[in-house]
């Protein structure tokens, strides 16, 4: 969520694409609909040493994890059923006059690493990725170098770092339900309309 510019960028894991939401006016539009960057890759994830299957079939979970750079200039995103991380300038996403082809051409591959659900940037610009196949957390520098931060086989993958990635919410405030509810309520209400 870019509160200064009044826009939120949402992934759609059921139908590959991104949704750009005007948090002030309430309008939204889909971009990268069916684009390779938002579409699940043809892979089978291995979780806890076992192939991840639903009724014997590999699930296809499209664009899922996402994070904005600290300056809100780029959106990083990845399909859950995928190992490729992408980025896209947010100025391209905010410009509703650009043709879809220009948006498509603005997507850049960052790296091919592991499957990831949750991601968040720190203030220095390092990106932290959950690694659902490795029960680990990796850090990616702005230069695209990926390194292991921590691994714990006793805990399932780290997911859902949304609150920690939002401006003004850190430490105890991020863990306070009341603060989180106040922060997310306007966006939640817009998506329900």
Protein backbone atom coordinates (compact mmCIF):
# COMPACT_ATOMS: atom_id res chain seq x y z
CA UNK A 1 0.00 0.00 0.00
CA UNK A 2 1.35 3.42 -1.00
CA UNK A 3 -0.52 5.72 1.38
CA UNK A 4 1.15 8.88 0.05
CA UNK A 5 -0.13 8.26 -3.49
CA UNK A 6 -3.39 6.59 -2.44
CA UNK A 7 -2.83 3.30 -4.27
CA UNK A 8 -2.60 -0.38 -3.35
CA UNK A 9 -1.16 -3.17 -5.47
CA UNK A 10 -2.82 -6.55 -4.98
CA UNK A 11 -1.88 -9.95 -6.35
CA UNK A 12 -4.49 -12.41 -7.62
CA UNK A 13 -3.40 -15.95 -6.89
CA UNK A 14 -6.53 -17.52 -8.40
CA UNK A 15 -6.42 -15.79 -11.78
CA UNK A 16 -2.92 -14.59 -12.74
CA UNK A 17 -2.63 -10.83 -12.59
CA UNK A 18 -2.25 -7.76 -10.42
CA UNK A 19 -4.96 -5.35 -9.30
CA UNK A 20 -4.21 -1.65 -8.95
CA UNK A 21 -6.61 -0.11 -6.43
CA UNK A 22 -7.18 3.62 -6.01
CA UNK A 23 -7.66 3.77 -2.24
CA UNK A 24 -9.08 7.30 -2.42
CA UNK A 25 -11.63 6.94 -5.22
CA UNK A 26 -12.21 3.19 -4.90
CA UNK A 27 -11.69 2.32 -8.58
CA UNK A 28 -9.52 -0.62 -9.61
CA UNK A 29 -8.07 -2.19 -12.74
CA UNK A 30 -6.33 -5.45 -13.61
CA UNK A 31 -2.89 -5.49 -15.19
CA UNK A 32 -0.55 -8.28 -16.27
CA UNK A 33 -3.63 -10.45 -16.72
CA UNK A 34 -2.29 -13.90 -17.64
CA UNK A 35 1.26 -12.53 -18.04
CA UNK A 36 4.14 -14.99 -17.50
CA UNK A 37 5.30 -13.01 -14.44
CA UNK A 38 1.97 -13.48 -12.64
CA UNK A 39 1.31 -17.05 -13.78
CA UNK A 40 2.25 -20.17 -11.81
CA UNK A 41 5.28 -22.00 -13.17
CA UNK A 42 5.08 -25.63 -14.29
CA UNK A 43 6.73 -27.03 -11.16
CA UNK A 44 5.83 -29.18 -8.19
CA UNK A 45 6.90 -27.72 -4.86
CA UNK A 46 8.48 -29.94 -2.22
CA UNK A 47 7.30 -29.12 1.29
CA UNK A 48 8.51 -31.02 4.34
CA UNK A 49 10.24 -33.47 1.96
CA UNK A 50 7.03 -34.34 0.09
CA UNK A 51 5.65 -33.17 -3.27
CA UNK A 52 2.91 -30.60 -2.64
CA UNK A 53 -0.22 -32.07 -4.25
CA UNK A 54 -3.96 -31.61 -3.87
CA UNK A 55 -5.89 -34.74 -4.80
CA UNK A 56 -2.80 -35.97 -6.65
CA UNK A 57 -2.47 -32.78 -8.73
CA UNK A 58 0.10 -30.00 -8.43
CA UNK A 59 -1.69 -26.82 -7.30
CA UNK A 60 -1.26 -23.77 -9.53
CA UNK A 61 -1.14 -20.73 -7.23
CA UNK A 62 -0.43 -17.64 -9.31
CA UNK A 63 0.95 -14.22 -8.24
CA UNK A 64 0.91 -14.25 -4.47
CA UNK A 65 3.75 -12.73 -2.45
CA UNK A 66 4.50 -9.05 -3.03
CA UNK A 67 6.37 -6.16 -1.42
CA UNK A 68 7.00 -2.50 -2.17
CA UNK A 69 10.51 -1.05 -1.94
CA UNK A 70 10.94 1.34 1.01
CA UNK A 71 10.62 4.35 -1.33
CA UNK A 72 7.52 2.74 -2.95
CA UNK A 73 9.11 3.03 -6.42
CA UNK A 74 9.01 -0.68 -7.28
CA UNK A 75 6.75 -3.64 -6.63
CA UNK A 76 8.38 -7.06 -6.26
CA UNK A 77 6.15 -10.10 -6.72
CA UNK A 78 6.18 -13.84 -7.32
CA UNK A 79 3.80 -16.72 -7.98
CA UNK A 80 3.51 -19.08 -5.02
CA UNK A 81 3.90 -22.03 -7.38
CA UNK A 82 7.07 -20.59 -8.85
CA UNK A 83 10.68 -19.77 -8.15
CA UNK A 84 11.10 -16.58 -10.19
CA UNK A 85 10.99 -13.17 -8.52
CA UNK A 86 9.94 -10.15 -10.62
CA UNK A 87 9.87 -6.38 -10.15
CA UNK A 88 8.00 -3.55 -11.82
CA UNK A 89 8.16 0.26 -11.42
CA UNK A 90 5.08 1.49 -9.57
CA UNK A 91 4.93 4.62 -11.75
CA UNK A 92 4.04 2.28 -14.62
CA UNK A 93 1.31 0.66 -12.54
CA UNK A 94 -0.10 4.02 -11.42
CA UNK A 95 -0.37 5.37 -14.99
CA UNK A 96 -3.78 4.18 -16.17
CA UNK A 97 -3.17 5.65 -19.65
CA UNK A 98 -0.34 3.22 -20.50
CA UNK A 99 -1.20 0.38 -22.88
CA UNK A 100 -0.95 -3.14 -21.45
CA UNK A 101 1.99 -3.88 -23.77
CA UNK A 102 4.06 -1.12 -22.12
CA UNK A 103 3.26 -2.51 -18.67
CA UNK A 104 4.21 -6.02 -19.84
CA UNK A 105 7.55 -4.74 -21.17
CA UNK A 106 8.34 -3.01 -17.87
CA UNK A 107 8.43 -6.26 -15.88
CA UNK A 108 11.97 -7.35 -15.01
CA UNK A 109 13.17 -10.70 -13.71
CA UNK A 110 15.15 -10.27 -10.49
CA UNK A 111 16.28 -13.83 -9.86
CA UNK A 112 15.35 -17.48 -9.93
CA UNK A 113 15.50 -18.71 -6.36
CA UNK A 114 13.06 -20.60 -4.19
CA UNK A 115 9.31 -20.68 -3.84
CA UNK A 116 8.16 -17.78 -1.67
CA UNK A 117 4.92 -16.66 -0.10
CA UNK A 118 5.77 -13.86 2.32
CA UNK A 119 8.21 -11.06 1.56
CA UNK A 120 9.16 -7.73 3.08
CA UNK A 121 11.78 -5.01 2.66
CA UNK A 122 13.82 -3.53 5.47
CA UNK A 123 14.63 0.19 5.62
CA UNK A 124 17.99 -0.34 3.87
CA UNK A 125 16.36 -1.89 0.81
CA UNK A 126 17.18 -5.55 1.48
CA UNK A 127 14.32 -7.87 0.59
CA UNK A 128 13.51 -10.78 2.91
CA UNK A 129 11.79 -13.82 1.40
CA UNK A 130 10.18 -16.78 3.11
CA UNK A 131 11.34 -20.02 1.59
CA UNK A 132 8.46 -22.46 1.87
CA UNK A 133 10.43 -25.40 0.51
CA UNK A 134 13.38 -24.85 2.86
CA UNK A 135 11.68 -23.60 6.06
CA UNK A 136 14.02 -20.66 5.80
CA UNK A 137 14.31 -16.92 5.30
CA UNK A 138 16.55 -15.48 2.58
CA UNK A 139 17.73 -11.93 2.04
CA UNK A 140 18.08 -10.42 -1.44
CA UNK A 141 20.24 -7.34 -1.88
CA UNK A 142 19.29 -4.60 -4.34
CA UNK A 143 22.01 -6.10 -6.57
CA UNK A 144 20.00 -9.35 -6.69
CA UNK A 145 22.25 -11.49 -4.50
CA UNK A 146 20.30 -14.08 -2.45
CA UNK A 147 21.65 -15.37 0.87
CA UNK A 148 20.35 -17.57 3.67
CA UNK A 149 19.45 -15.66 6.84
CA UNK A 150 17.99 -18.46 8.96
CA UNK A 151 16.60 -21.97 8.65
CA UNK A 152 14.56 -23.87 11.21
CA UNK A 153 13.36 -27.36 10.35
CA UNK A 154 11.13 -27.32 13.45
CA UNK A 155 8.89 -24.56 12.11
CA UNK A 156 6.81 -24.48 8.99
CA UNK A 157 7.53 -21.78 6.42
CA UNK A 158 7.26 -18.15 7.41
CA UNK A 159 4.37 -16.47 5.59
CA UNK A 160 2.22 -13.36 5.63
CA UNK A 161 4.59 -10.53 6.51
CA UNK A 162 2.09 -7.90 5.50
CA UNK A 163 1.90 -5.81 8.65
CA UNK A 164 5.68 -5.60 9.08
CA UNK A 165 5.99 -4.13 5.59
CA UNK A 166 3.75 -1.14 6.20
CA UNK A 167 4.93 2.37 7.06
CA UNK A 168 4.61 3.48 10.65
CA UNK A 169 3.90 -0.01 11.97
CA UNK A 170 6.84 -1.57 13.75
CA UNK A 171 7.68 -3.27 17.02
CA UNK A 172 4.78 -3.47 19.42
CA UNK A 173 2.50 -1.40 17.17
CA UNK A 174 2.73 -4.01 14.41
CA UNK A 175 1.68 -6.70 16.84
CA UNK A 176 -1.28 -4.74 18.22
CA UNK A 177 -4.54 -5.89 16.70
CA UNK A 178 -6.18 -2.50 17.26
CA UNK A 179 -3.43 -0.66 15.36
CA UNK A 180 -3.48 -3.20 12.54
CA UNK A 181 -7.27 -3.01 12.29
CA UNK A 182 -7.19 0.81 12.15
CA UNK A 183 -4.53 0.68 9.45
CA UNK A 184 -6.20 -1.95 7.24
CA UNK A 185 -9.90 -1.03 7.73
CA UNK A 186 -10.06 1.58 4.89
CA UNK A 187 -8.51 -0.83 2.38
CA UNK A 188 -10.69 -3.70 3.57
CA UNK A 189 -13.83 -1.56 3.23
CA UNK A 190 -12.89 -0.49 -0.31
CA UNK A 191 -12.39 -4.08 -1.45
CA UNK A 192 -15.76 -5.10 -0.01
CA UNK A 193 -17.64 -2.46 -2.06
